[in-house]
Amino acid sequence: MTKTTRSLLVMAAAALLAGTMSFAQSAGEATYKAKCASCHGAAGTPNPGMAKAMGIKPFSDPDVKKLTAAEMITATTDGKGKMPAFKGKLTDAEIKDVVSYLRTLK
């Protein structure tokens, strides 16, 4: 095999691998990043200023961890405290996907 052919094969494999990796993000993760991360932080831990100003707890907080999926769905749908309601902004399926993703954060 020539160097050029080998190089082309390696580049094609890298492109295919990169393409499949971009689809690895779940729908819930994508929605979270688009709609929630600006307040709640990319990994579920808000920056200290935002947490204090808005009263946001990290998802690793024991009070948040003990919430059921149904309670989290209700809080997301109807809003809670300073968090706005997402009813009408996100579908029920999107909210469920986000909550499922949230429960994977540590």
PDB file of N, CA and C in Angstrom:
ATOM      1  N   MET A   1       0.841  -1.172   0.000  1.00  0.00           N
ATOM      2  CA  MET A   1       0.000   0.000   0.000  1.00  0.00           C
ATOM      3  C   MET A   1       0.896   1.249   0.000  1.00  0.00           C
ATOM      4  N   THR A   2       0.541   2.198  -0.786  1.00  0.00           N
ATOM      5  CA  THR A   2       1.371   3.401  -0.838  1.00  0.00           C
ATOM      6  C   THR A   2       1.065   4.309   0.337  1.00  0.00           C
ATOM      7  N   LYS A   3       1.986   5.225   0.564  1.00  0.00           N
ATOM      8  CA  LYS A   3       1.803   6.166   1.666  1.00  0.00           C
ATOM      9  C   LYS A   3       0.541   7.008   1.475  1.00  0.00           C
ATOM     10  N   THR A   4       0.275   7.402   0.266  1.00  0.00           N
ATOM     11  CA  THR A   4      -0.890   8.238  -0.023  1.00  0.00           C
ATOM     12  C   THR A   4      -2.177   7.477   0.275  1.00  0.00           C
ATOM     13  N   THR A   5      -2.269   6.248  -0.147  1.00  0.00           N
ATOM     14  CA  THR A   5      -3.455   5.436   0.088  1.00  0.00           C
ATOM     15  C   THR A   5      -3.660   5.217   1.582  1.00  0.00           C
ATOM     16  N   ARG A   6      -2.572   4.910   2.264  1.00  0.00           N
ATOM     17  CA  ARG A   6      -2.653   4.718   3.714  1.00  0.00           C
ATOM     18  C   ARG A   6      -3.125   5.996   4.411  1.00  0.00           C
ATOM     19  N   SER A   7      -2.597   7.110   3.994  1.00  0.00           N
ATOM     20  CA  SER A   7      -2.986   8.398   4.582  1.00  0.00           C
ATOM     21  C   SER A   7      -4.465   8.682   4.343  1.00  0.00           C
ATOM     22  N   LEU A   8      -4.917   8.406   3.138  1.00  0.00           N
ATOM     23  CA  LEU A   8      -6.335   8.614   2.818  1.00  0.00           C
ATOM     24  C   LEU A   8      -7.234   7.699   3.653  1.00  0.00           C
ATOM     25  N   LEU A   9      -6.825   6.456   3.832  1.00  0.00           N
ATOM     26  CA  LEU A   9      -7.609   5.536   4.653  1.00  0.00           C
ATOM     27  C   LEU A   9      -7.671   5.998   6.108  1.00  0.00           C
ATOM     28  N   VAL A  10      -6.558   6.459   6.637  1.00  0.00           N
ATOM     29  CA  VAL A  10      -6.526   6.951   8.023  1.00  0.00           C
ATOM     30  C   VAL A  10      -7.414   8.174   8.162  1.00  0.00           C
ATOM     31  N   MET A  11      -7.344   9.091   7.200  1.00  0.00           N
ATOM     32  CA  MET A  11      -8.187  10.293   7.258  1.00  0.00           C
ATOM     33  C   MET A  11      -9.666   9.936   7.150  1.00  0.00           C
ATOM     34  N   ALA A  12     -10.006   8.996   6.286  1.00  0.00           N
ATOM     35  CA  ALA A  12     -11.396   8.581   6.136  1.00  0.00           C
ATOM     36  C   ALA A  12     -11.899   7.924   7.421  1.00  0.00           C
ATOM     37  N   ALA A  13     -11.081   7.090   8.030  1.00  0.00           N
ATOM     38  CA  ALA A  13     -11.476   6.437   9.282  1.00  0.00           C
ATOM     39  C   ALA A  13     -11.670   7.476  10.378  1.00  0.00           C
ATOM     40  N   ALA A  14     -10.788   8.455  10.447  1.00  0.00           N
ATOM     41  CA  ALA A  14     -10.911   9.510  11.453  1.00  0.00           C
ATOM     42  C   ALA A  14     -12.186  10.318  11.241  1.00  0.00           C
ATOM     43  N   ALA A  15     -12.498  10.622   9.993  1.00  0.00           N
ATOM     44  CA  ALA A  15     -13.713  11.383   9.691  1.00  0.00           C
ATOM     45  C   ALA A  15     -14.960  10.590  10.070  1.00  0.00           C
ATOM     46  N   LEU A  16     -14.967   9.314   9.766  1.00  0.00           N
ATOM     47  CA  LEU A  16     -16.113   8.473  10.126  1.00  0.00           C
ATOM     48  C   LEU A  16     -16.267   8.371  11.638  1.00  0.00           C
ATOM     49  N   LEU A  17     -15.172   8.200  12.325  1.00  0.00           N
ATOM     50  CA  LEU A  17     -15.202   8.102  13.774  1.00  0.00           C
ATOM     51  C   LEU A  17     -15.684   9.410  14.394  1.00  0.00           C
ATOM     52  N   ALA A  18     -15.208  10.521  13.908  1.00  0.00           N
ATOM     53  CA  ALA A  18     -15.632  11.828  14.427  1.00  0.00           C
ATOM     54  C   ALA A  18     -17.120  12.041  14.167  1.00  0.00           C
ATOM     55  N   GLY A  19     -17.600  11.602  13.027  1.00  0.00           N
ATOM     56  CA  GLY A  19     -19.022  11.744  12.705  1.00  0.00           C
ATOM     57  C   GLY A  19     -19.907  10.928  13.631  1.00  0.00           C
ATOM     58  N   THR A  20     -19.496   9.732  13.958  1.00  0.00           N
ATOM     59  CA  THR A  20     -20.315   8.902  14.847  1.00  0.00           C
ATOM     60  C   THR A  20     -20.241   9.400  16.279  1.00  0.00           C
ATOM     61  N   MET A  21     -19.130   9.982  16.678  1.00  0.00           N
ATOM     62  CA  MET A  21     -19.005  10.489  18.042  1.00  0.00           C
ATOM     63  C   MET A  21     -19.907  11.694  18.269  1.00  0.00           C
ATOM     64  N   SER A  22     -20.174  12.481  17.248  1.00  0.00           N
ATOM     65  CA  SER A  22     -21.029  13.647  17.426  1.00  0.00           C
ATOM     66  C   SER A  22     -22.466  13.242  17.715  1.00  0.00           C
ATOM     67  N   PHE A  23     -22.856  12.038  17.319  1.00  0.00           N
ATOM     68  CA  PHE A  23     -24.206  11.567  17.586  1.00  0.00           C
ATOM     69  C   PHE A  23     -24.332  10.906  18.959  1.00  0.00           C
ATOM     70  N   ALA A  24     -23.243  10.797  19.693  1.00  0.00           N
ATOM     71  CA  ALA A  24     -23.265  10.139  20.990  1.00  0.00           C
ATOM     72  C   ALA A  24     -24.001  10.964  22.047  1.00  0.00           C
ATOM     73  N   GLN A  25     -24.182  12.243  21.817  1.00  0.00           N
ATOM     74  CA  GLN A  25     -24.874  13.113  22.763  1.00  0.00           C
ATOM     75  C   GLN A  25     -26.362  12.767  22.762  1.00  0.00           C
ATOM     76  N   SER A  26     -26.923  12.570  23.944  1.00  0.00           N
ATOM     77  CA  SER A  26     -28.335  12.232  24.041  1.00  0.00           C
ATOM     78  C   SER A  26     -29.176  13.470  23.786  1.00  0.00           C
ATOM     79  N   ALA A  27     -30.453  13.246  23.475  1.00  0.00           N
ATOM     80  CA  ALA A  27     -31.380  14.360  23.263  1.00  0.00           C
ATOM     81  C   ALA A  27     -31.506  15.186  24.533  1.00  0.00           C
ATOM     82  N   GLY A  28     -31.546  14.521  25.693  1.00  0.00           N
ATOM     83  CA  GLY A  28     -31.645  15.227  26.966  1.00  0.00           C
ATOM     84  C   GLY A  28     -30.432  16.086  27.234  1.00  0.00           C
ATOM     85  N   GLU A  29     -29.261  15.571  26.900  1.00  0.00           N
ATOM     86  CA  GLU A  29     -28.030  16.329  27.101  1.00  0.00           C
ATOM     87  C   GLU A  29     -28.005  17.558  26.190  1.00  0.00           C
ATOM     88  N   ALA A  30     -28.423  17.384  24.955  1.00  0.00           N
ATOM     89  CA  ALA A  30     -28.443  18.504  24.005  1.00  0.00           C
ATOM     90  C   ALA A  30     -29.422  19.588  24.471  1.00  0.00           C
ATOM     91  N   THR A  31     -30.599  19.184  24.918  1.00  0.00           N
ATOM     92  CA  THR A  31     -31.589  20.150  25.410  1.00  0.00           C
ATOM     93  C   THR A  31     -31.075  20.830  26.665  1.00  0.00           C
ATOM     94  N   TYR A  32     -30.469  20.070  27.568  1.00  0.00           N
ATOM     95  CA  TYR A  32     -29.903  20.643  28.791  1.00  0.00           C
ATOM     96  C   TYR A  32     -28.878  21.717  28.441  1.00  0.00           C
ATOM     97  N   LYS A  33     -27.966  21.397  27.535  1.00  0.00           N
ATOM     98  CA  LYS A  33     -26.925  22.352  27.162  1.00  0.00           C
ATOM     99  C   LYS A  33     -27.525  23.611  26.534  1.00  0.00           C
ATOM    100  N   ALA A  34     -28.592  23.440  25.762  1.00  0.00           N
ATOM    101  CA  ALA A  34     -29.205  24.582  25.081  1.00  0.00           C
ATOM    102  C   ALA A  34     -30.078  25.420  25.999  1.00  0.00           C
ATOM    103  N   LYS A  35     -30.779  24.802  26.935  1.00  0.00           N
ATOM    104  CA  LYS A  35     -31.790  25.516  27.725  1.00  0.00           C
ATOM    105  C   LYS A  35     -31.467  25.674  29.200  1.00  0.00           C
ATOM    106  N   CYS A  36     -30.612  24.834  29.764  1.00  0.00           N
ATOM    107  CA  CYS A  36     -30.442  24.788  31.224  1.00  0.00           C
ATOM    108  C   CYS A  36     -29.042  25.154  31.714  1.00  0.00           C
ATOM    109  N   ALA A  37     -28.039  24.814  30.927  1.00  0.00           N
ATOM    110  CA  ALA A  37     -26.650  24.952  31.380  1.00  0.00           C
ATOM    111  C   ALA A  37     -26.261  26.393  31.698  1.00  0.00           C
ATOM    112  N   SER A  38     -26.910  27.363  31.077  1.00  0.00           N
ATOM    113  CA  SER A  38     -26.522  28.754  31.336  1.00  0.00           C
ATOM    114  C   SER A  38     -26.742  29.128  32.801  1.00  0.00           C
ATOM    115  N   CYS A  39     -27.725  28.542  33.457  1.00  0.00           N
ATOM    116  CA  CYS A  39     -27.972  28.799  34.882  1.00  0.00           C
ATOM    117  C   CYS A  39     -27.427  27.677  35.772  1.00  0.00           C
ATOM    118  N   HIS A  40     -27.634  26.439  35.355  1.00  0.00           N
ATOM    119  CA  HIS A  40     -27.295  25.286  36.192  1.00  0.00           C
ATOM    120  C   HIS A  40     -25.865  24.787  36.004  1.00  0.00           C
ATOM    121  N   GLY A  41     -25.140  25.335  35.032  1.00  0.00           N
ATOM    122  CA  GLY A  41     -23.762  24.915  34.794  1.00  0.00           C
ATOM    123  C   GLY A  41     -23.690  23.724  33.856  1.00  0.00           C
ATOM    124  N   ALA A  42     -22.606  23.635  33.122  1.00  0.00           N
ATOM    125  CA  ALA A  42     -22.440  22.577  32.122  1.00  0.00           C
ATOM    126  C   ALA A  42     -22.504  21.175  32.724  1.00  0.00           C
ATOM    127  N   ALA A  43     -21.995  21.022  33.949  1.00  0.00           N
ATOM    128  CA  ALA A  43     -21.979  19.703  34.594  1.00  0.00           C
ATOM    129  C   ALA A  43     -22.954  19.621  35.769  1.00  0.00           C
ATOM    130  N   GLY A  44     -23.900  20.569  35.831  1.00  0.00           N
ATOM    131  CA  GLY A  44     -24.888  20.533  36.911  1.00  0.00           C
ATOM    132  C   GLY A  44     -24.471  21.271  38.163  1.00  0.00           C
ATOM    133  N   THR A  45     -23.370  22.003  38.087  1.00  0.00           N
ATOM    134  CA  THR A  45     -22.900  22.801  39.218  1.00  0.00           C
ATOM    135  C   THR A  45     -22.846  24.259  38.769  1.00  0.00           C
ATOM    136  N   PRO A  46     -23.769  25.091  39.245  1.00  0.00           N
ATOM    137  CA  PRO A  46     -23.782  26.493  38.824  1.00  0.00           C
ATOM    138  C   PRO A  46     -22.578  27.249  39.377  1.00  0.00           C
ATOM    139  N   ASN A  47     -22.218  28.348  38.714  1.00  0.00           N
ATOM    140  CA  ASN A  47     -21.128  29.139  39.272  1.00  0.00           C
ATOM    141  C   ASN A  47     -21.622  29.769  40.570  1.00  0.00           C
ATOM    142  N   PRO A  48     -20.737  30.021  41.516  1.00  0.00           N
ATOM    143  CA  PRO A  48     -21.143  30.493  42.847  1.00  0.00           C
ATOM    144  C   PRO A  48     -21.999  31.763  42.834  1.00  0.00           C
ATOM    145  N   GLY A  49     -21.677  32.703  41.945  1.00  0.00           N
ATOM    146  CA  GLY A  49     -22.464  33.935  41.865  1.00  0.00           C
ATOM    147  C   GLY A  49     -23.895  33.665  41.438  1.00  0.00           C
ATOM    148  N   MET A  50     -24.060  32.827  40.431  1.00  0.00           N
ATOM    149  CA  MET A  50     -25.391  32.468  39.933  1.00  0.00           C
ATOM    150  C   MET A  50     -26.145  31.683  40.998  1.00  0.00           C
ATOM    151  N   ALA A  51     -25.464  30.768  41.654  1.00  0.00           N
ATOM    152  CA  ALA A  51     -26.107  29.950  42.691  1.00  0.00           C
ATOM    153  C   ALA A  51     -26.652  30.830  43.807  1.00  0.00           C
ATOM    154  N   LYS A  52     -25.860  31.810  44.227  1.00  0.00           N
ATOM    155  CA  LYS A  52     -26.285  32.686  45.318  1.00  0.00           C
ATOM    156  C   LYS A  52     -27.413  33.615  44.877  1.00  0.00           C
ATOM    157  N   ALA A  53     -27.275  34.226  43.710  1.00  0.00           N
ATOM    158  CA  ALA A  53     -28.269  35.175  43.220  1.00  0.00           C
ATOM    159  C   ALA A  53     -29.620  34.519  42.934  1.00  0.00           C
ATOM    160  N   MET A  54     -29.572  33.319  42.383  1.00  0.00           N
ATOM    161  CA  MET A  54     -30.806  32.660  41.950  1.00  0.00           C
ATOM    162  C   MET A  54     -31.278  31.569  42.911  1.00  0.00           C
ATOM    163  N   GLY A  55     -30.465  31.220  43.887  1.00  0.00           N
ATOM    164  CA  GLY A  55     -30.836  30.160  44.815  1.00  0.00           C
ATOM    165  C   GLY A  55     -30.787  28.789  44.172  1.00  0.00           C
ATOM    166  N   ILE A  56     -29.799  28.584  43.298  1.00  0.00           N
ATOM    167  CA  ILE A  56     -29.677  27.317  42.563  1.00  0.00           C
ATOM    168  C   ILE A  56     -28.750  26.376  43.328  1.00  0.00           C
ATOM    169  N   LYS A  57     -29.216  25.167  43.551  1.00  0.00           N
ATOM    170  CA  LYS A  57     -28.380  24.142  44.177  1.00  0.00           C
ATOM    171  C   LYS A  57     -27.786  23.260  43.082  1.00  0.00           C
ATOM    172  N   PRO A  58     -26.577  22.758  43.291  1.00  0.00           N
ATOM    173  CA  PRO A  58     -26.016  21.817  42.310  1.00  0.00           C
ATOM    174  C   PRO A  58     -26.804  20.507  42.331  1.00  0.00           C
ATOM    175  N   PHE A  59     -26.762  19.794  41.231  1.00  0.00           N
ATOM    176  CA  PHE A  59     -27.499  18.528  41.157  1.00  0.00           C
ATOM    177  C   PHE A  59     -26.898  17.466  42.064  1.00  0.00           C
ATOM    178  N   SER A  60     -25.695  17.710  42.570  1.00  0.00           N
ATOM    179  CA  SER A  60     -25.076  16.771  43.504  1.00  0.00           C
ATOM    180  C   SER A  60     -25.550  17.001  44.946  1.00  0.00           C
ATOM    181  N   ASP A  61     -26.283  18.074  45.191  1.00  0.00           N
ATOM    182  CA  ASP A  61     -26.784  18.382  46.533  1.00  0.00           C
ATOM    183  C   ASP A  61     -27.751  17.286  47.000  1.00  0.00           C
ATOM    184  N   PRO A  62     -27.653  16.829  48.246  1.00  0.00           N
ATOM    185  CA  PRO A  62     -28.536  15.766  48.748  1.00  0.00           C
ATOM    186  C   PRO A  62     -30.031  16.099  48.617  1.00  0.00           C
ATOM    187  N   ASP A  63     -30.395  17.380  48.796  1.00  0.00           N
ATOM    188  CA  ASP A  63     -31.804  17.759  48.653  1.00  0.00           C
ATOM    189  C   ASP A  63     -32.293  17.587  47.217  1.00  0.00           C
ATOM    190  N   VAL A  64     -31.423  17.813  46.266  1.00  0.00           N
ATOM    191  CA  VAL A  64     -31.788  17.639  44.858  1.00  0.00           C
ATOM    192  C   VAL A  64     -31.774  16.154  44.504  1.00  0.00           C
ATOM    193  N   LYS A  65     -30.772  15.428  45.000  1.00  0.00           N
ATOM    194  CA  LYS A  65     -30.663  13.987  44.710  1.00  0.00           C
ATOM    195  C   LYS A  65     -31.885  13.199  45.177  1.00  0.00           C
ATOM    196  N   LYS A  66     -32.521  13.650  46.273  1.00  0.00           N
ATOM    197  CA  LYS A  66     -33.657  12.893  46.797  1.00  0.00           C
ATOM    198  C   LYS A  66     -34.963  13.171  46.053  1.00  0.00           C
ATOM    199  N   LEU A  67     -34.972  14.148  45.139  1.00  0.00           N
ATOM    200  CA  LEU A  67     -36.171  14.419  44.360  1.00  0.00           C
ATOM    201  C   LEU A  67     -36.454  13.256  43.412  1.00  0.00           C
ATOM    202  N   THR A  68     -37.720  12.941  43.267  1.00  0.00           N
ATOM    203  CA  THR A  68     -38.094  11.898  42.313  1.00  0.00           C
ATOM    204  C   THR A  68     -38.096  12.487  40.908  1.00  0.00           C
ATOM    205  N   ALA A  69     -38.100  11.623  39.914  1.00  0.00           N
ATOM    206  CA  ALA A  69     -38.171  12.087  38.525  1.00  0.00           C
ATOM    207  C   ALA A  69     -39.453  12.893  38.309  1.00  0.00           C
ATOM    208  N   ALA A  70     -40.554  12.450  38.897  1.00  0.00           N
ATOM    209  CA  ALA A  70     -41.828  13.163  38.746  1.00  0.00           C
ATOM    210  C   ALA A  70     -41.744  14.573  39.340  1.00  0.00           C
ATOM    211  N   GLU A  71     -41.079  14.714  40.480  1.00  0.00           N
ATOM    212  CA  GLU A  71     -40.929  16.039  41.097  1.00  0.00           C
ATOM    213  C   GLU A  71     -40.056  16.948  40.229  1.00  0.00           C
ATOM    214  N   MET A  72     -39.021  16.385  39.637  1.00  0.00           N
ATOM    215  CA  MET A  72     -38.146  17.169  38.766  1.00  0.00           C
ATOM    216  C   MET A  72     -38.883  17.576  37.487  1.00  0.00           C
ATOM    217  N   ILE A  73     -39.692  16.680  36.964  1.00  0.00           N
ATOM    218  CA  ILE A  73     -40.486  16.993  35.769  1.00  0.00           C
ATOM    219  C   ILE A  73     -41.464  18.122  36.073  1.00  0.00           C
ATOM    220  N   THR A  74     -42.120  18.057  37.228  1.00  0.00           N
ATOM    221  CA  THR A  74     -43.065  19.103  37.621  1.00  0.00           C
ATOM    222  C   THR A  74     -42.353  20.438  37.788  1.00  0.00           C
ATOM    223  N   ALA A  75     -41.198  20.442  38.438  1.00  0.00           N
ATOM    224  CA  ALA A  75     -40.444  21.684  38.633  1.00  0.00           C
ATOM    225  C   ALA A  75     -40.014  22.280  37.298  1.00  0.00           C
ATOM    226  N   THR A  76     -39.627  21.439  36.373  1.00  0.00           N
ATOM    227  CA  THR A  76     -39.209  21.915  35.055  1.00  0.00           C
ATOM    228  C   THR A  76     -40.402  22.412  34.246  1.00  0.00           C
ATOM    229  N   THR A  77     -41.496  21.688  34.318  1.00  0.00           N
ATOM    230  CA  THR A  77     -42.692  22.055  33.566  1.00  0.00           C
ATOM    231  C   THR A  77     -43.324  23.340  34.092  1.00  0.00           C
ATOM    232  N   ASP A  78     -43.511  23.420  35.399  1.00  0.00           N
ATOM    233  CA  ASP A  78     -44.242  24.534  36.006  1.00  0.00           C
ATOM    234  C   ASP A  78     -43.345  25.644  36.543  1.00  0.00           C
ATOM    235  N   GLY A  79     -42.038  25.393  36.605  1.00  0.00           N
ATOM    236  CA  GLY A  79     -41.120  26.359  37.192  1.00  0.00           C
ATOM    237  C   GLY A  79     -41.077  26.186  38.700  1.00  0.00           C
ATOM    238  N   LYS A  80     -40.016  26.710  39.312  1.00  0.00           N
ATOM    239  CA  LYS A  80     -39.892  26.608  40.761  1.00  0.00           C
ATOM    240  C   LYS A  80     -38.947  27.709  41.233  1.00  0.00           C
ATOM    241  N   GLY A  81     -39.385  28.476  42.214  1.00  0.00           N
ATOM    242  CA  GLY A  81     -38.573  29.593  42.678  1.00  0.00           C
ATOM    243  C   GLY A  81     -38.368  30.569  41.538  1.00  0.00           C
ATOM    244  N   LYS A  82     -37.121  30.889  41.258  1.00  0.00           N
ATOM    245  CA  LYS A  82     -36.809  31.828  40.176  1.00  0.00           C
ATOM    246  C   LYS A  82     -36.675  31.150  38.816  1.00  0.00           C
ATOM    247  N   MET A  83     -36.759  29.808  38.798  1.00  0.00           N
ATOM    248  CA  MET A  83     -36.663  29.089  37.528  1.00  0.00           C
ATOM    249  C   MET A  83     -37.975  29.237  36.764  1.00  0.00           C
ATOM    250  N   PRO A  84     -37.902  29.637  35.505  1.00  0.00           N
ATOM    251  CA  PRO A  84     -39.128  29.788  34.723  1.00  0.00           C
ATOM    252  C   PRO A  84     -39.734  28.439  34.351  1.00  0.00           C
ATOM    253  N   ALA A  85     -41.017  28.472  34.048  1.00  0.00           N
ATOM    254  CA  ALA A  85     -41.706  27.270  33.576  1.00  0.00           C
ATOM    255  C   ALA A  85     -41.291  27.003  32.129  1.00  0.00           C
ATOM    256  N   PHE A  86     -41.119  25.743  31.798  1.00  0.00           N
ATOM    257  CA  PHE A  86     -40.768  25.375  30.431  1.00  0.00           C
ATOM    258  C   PHE A  86     -41.951  24.744  29.696  1.00  0.00           C
ATOM    259  N   LYS A  87     -43.123  24.764  30.311  1.00  0.00           N
ATOM    260  CA  LYS A  87     -44.325  24.272  29.642  1.00  0.00           C
ATOM    261  C   LYS A  87     -44.585  25.168  28.432  1.00  0.00           C
ATOM    262  N   GLY A  88     -44.764  24.556  27.282  1.00  0.00           N
ATOM    263  CA  GLY A  88     -44.966  25.302  26.056  1.00  0.00           C
ATOM    264  C   GLY A  88     -43.666  25.675  25.363  1.00  0.00           C
ATOM    265  N   LYS A  89     -42.543  25.634  26.087  1.00  0.00           N
ATOM    266  CA  LYS A  89     -41.244  25.925  25.491  1.00  0.00           C
ATOM    267  C   LYS A  89     -40.528  24.634  25.116  1.00  0.00           C
ATOM    268  N   LEU A  90     -40.767  23.587  25.913  1.00  0.00           N
ATOM    269  CA  LEU A  90     -40.239  22.252  25.655  1.00  0.00           C
ATOM    270  C   LEU A  90     -41.404  21.276  25.635  1.00  0.00           C
ATOM    271  N   THR A  91     -41.296  20.234  24.845  1.00  0.00           N
ATOM    272  CA  THR A  91     -42.332  19.206  24.838  1.00  0.00           C
ATOM    273  C   THR A  91     -42.199  18.349  26.096  1.00  0.00           C
ATOM    274  N   ASP A  92     -43.237  17.588  26.402  1.00  0.00           N
ATOM    275  CA  ASP A  92     -43.177  16.673  27.546  1.00  0.00           C
ATOM    276  C   ASP A  92     -42.016  15.682  27.381  1.00  0.00           C
ATOM    277  N   ALA A  93     -41.814  15.209  26.160  1.00  0.00           N
ATOM    278  CA  ALA A  93     -40.733  14.255  25.893  1.00  0.00           C
ATOM    279  C   ALA A  93     -39.371  14.906  26.127  1.00  0.00           C
ATOM    280  N   GLU A  94     -39.205  16.154  25.706  1.00  0.00           N
ATOM    281  CA  GLU A  94     -37.935  16.849  25.927  1.00  0.00           C
ATOM    282  C   GLU A  94     -37.667  17.038  27.420  1.00  0.00           C
ATOM    283  N   ILE A  95     -38.695  17.385  28.169  1.00  0.00           N
ATOM    284  CA  ILE A  95     -38.542  17.562  29.614  1.00  0.00           C
ATOM    285  C   ILE A  95     -38.154  16.244  30.263  1.00  0.00           C
ATOM    286  N   LYS A  96     -38.802  15.145  29.872  1.00  0.00           N
ATOM    287  CA  LYS A  96     -38.453  13.822  30.411  1.00  0.00           C
ATOM    288  C   LYS A  96     -37.002  13.474  30.079  1.00  0.00           C
ATOM    289  N   ASP A  97     -36.585  13.754  28.850  1.00  0.00           N
ATOM    290  CA  ASP A  97     -35.215  13.466  28.438  1.00  0.00           C
ATOM    291  C   ASP A  97     -34.212  14.280  29.261  1.00  0.00           C
ATOM    292  N   VAL A  98     -34.529  15.553  29.507  1.00  0.00           N
ATOM    293  CA  VAL A  98     -33.637  16.402  30.305  1.00  0.00           C
ATOM    294  C   VAL A  98     -33.536  15.860  31.727  1.00  0.00           C
ATOM    295  N   VAL A  99     -34.663  15.502  32.318  1.00  0.00           N
ATOM    296  CA  VAL A  99     -34.658  14.968  33.685  1.00  0.00           C
ATOM    297  C   VAL A  99     -33.867  13.664  33.740  1.00  0.00           C
ATOM    298  N   SER A 100     -34.035  12.814  32.753  1.00  0.00           N
ATOM    299  CA  SER A 100     -33.253  11.567  32.710  1.00  0.00           C
ATOM    300  C   SER A 100     -31.765  11.879  32.645  1.00  0.00           C
ATOM    301  N   TYR A 101     -31.399  12.874  31.847  1.00  0.00           N
ATOM    302  CA  TYR A 101     -29.997  13.264  31.753  1.00  0.00           C
ATOM    303  C   TYR A 101     -29.509  13.837  33.095  1.00  0.00           C
ATOM    304  N   LEU A 102     -30.311  14.681  33.727  1.00  0.00           N
ATOM    305  CA  LEU A 102     -29.938  15.291  35.001  1.00  0.00           C
ATOM    306  C   LEU A 102     -29.623  14.234  36.056  1.00  0.00           C
ATOM    307  N   ARG A 103     -30.374  13.172  36.035  1.00  0.00           N
ATOM    308  CA  ARG A 103     -30.203  12.140  37.052  1.00  0.00           C
ATOM    309  C   ARG A 103     -28.903  11.352  36.843  1.00  0.00           C
ATOM    310  N   THR A 104     -28.236  11.549  35.696  1.00  0.00           N
ATOM    311  CA  THR A 104     -26.948  10.892  35.469  1.00  0.00           C
ATOM    312  C   THR A 104     -25.788  11.756  35.956  1.00  0.00           C
ATOM    313  N   LEU A 105     -26.044  13.038  36.208  1.00  0.00           N
ATOM    314  CA  LEU A 105     -24.987  13.944  36.663  1.00  0.00           C
ATOM    315  C   LEU A 105     -24.627  13.621  38.103  1.00  0.00           C
ATOM    316  N   LYS A 106     -23.378  13.794  38.432  1.00  0.00           N
ATOM    317  CA  LYS A 106     -22.912  13.486  39.799  1.00  0.00           C
ATOM    318  C   LYS A 106     -22.622  14.741  40.552  1.00  0.00           C
TER     319      LYS A 106
END
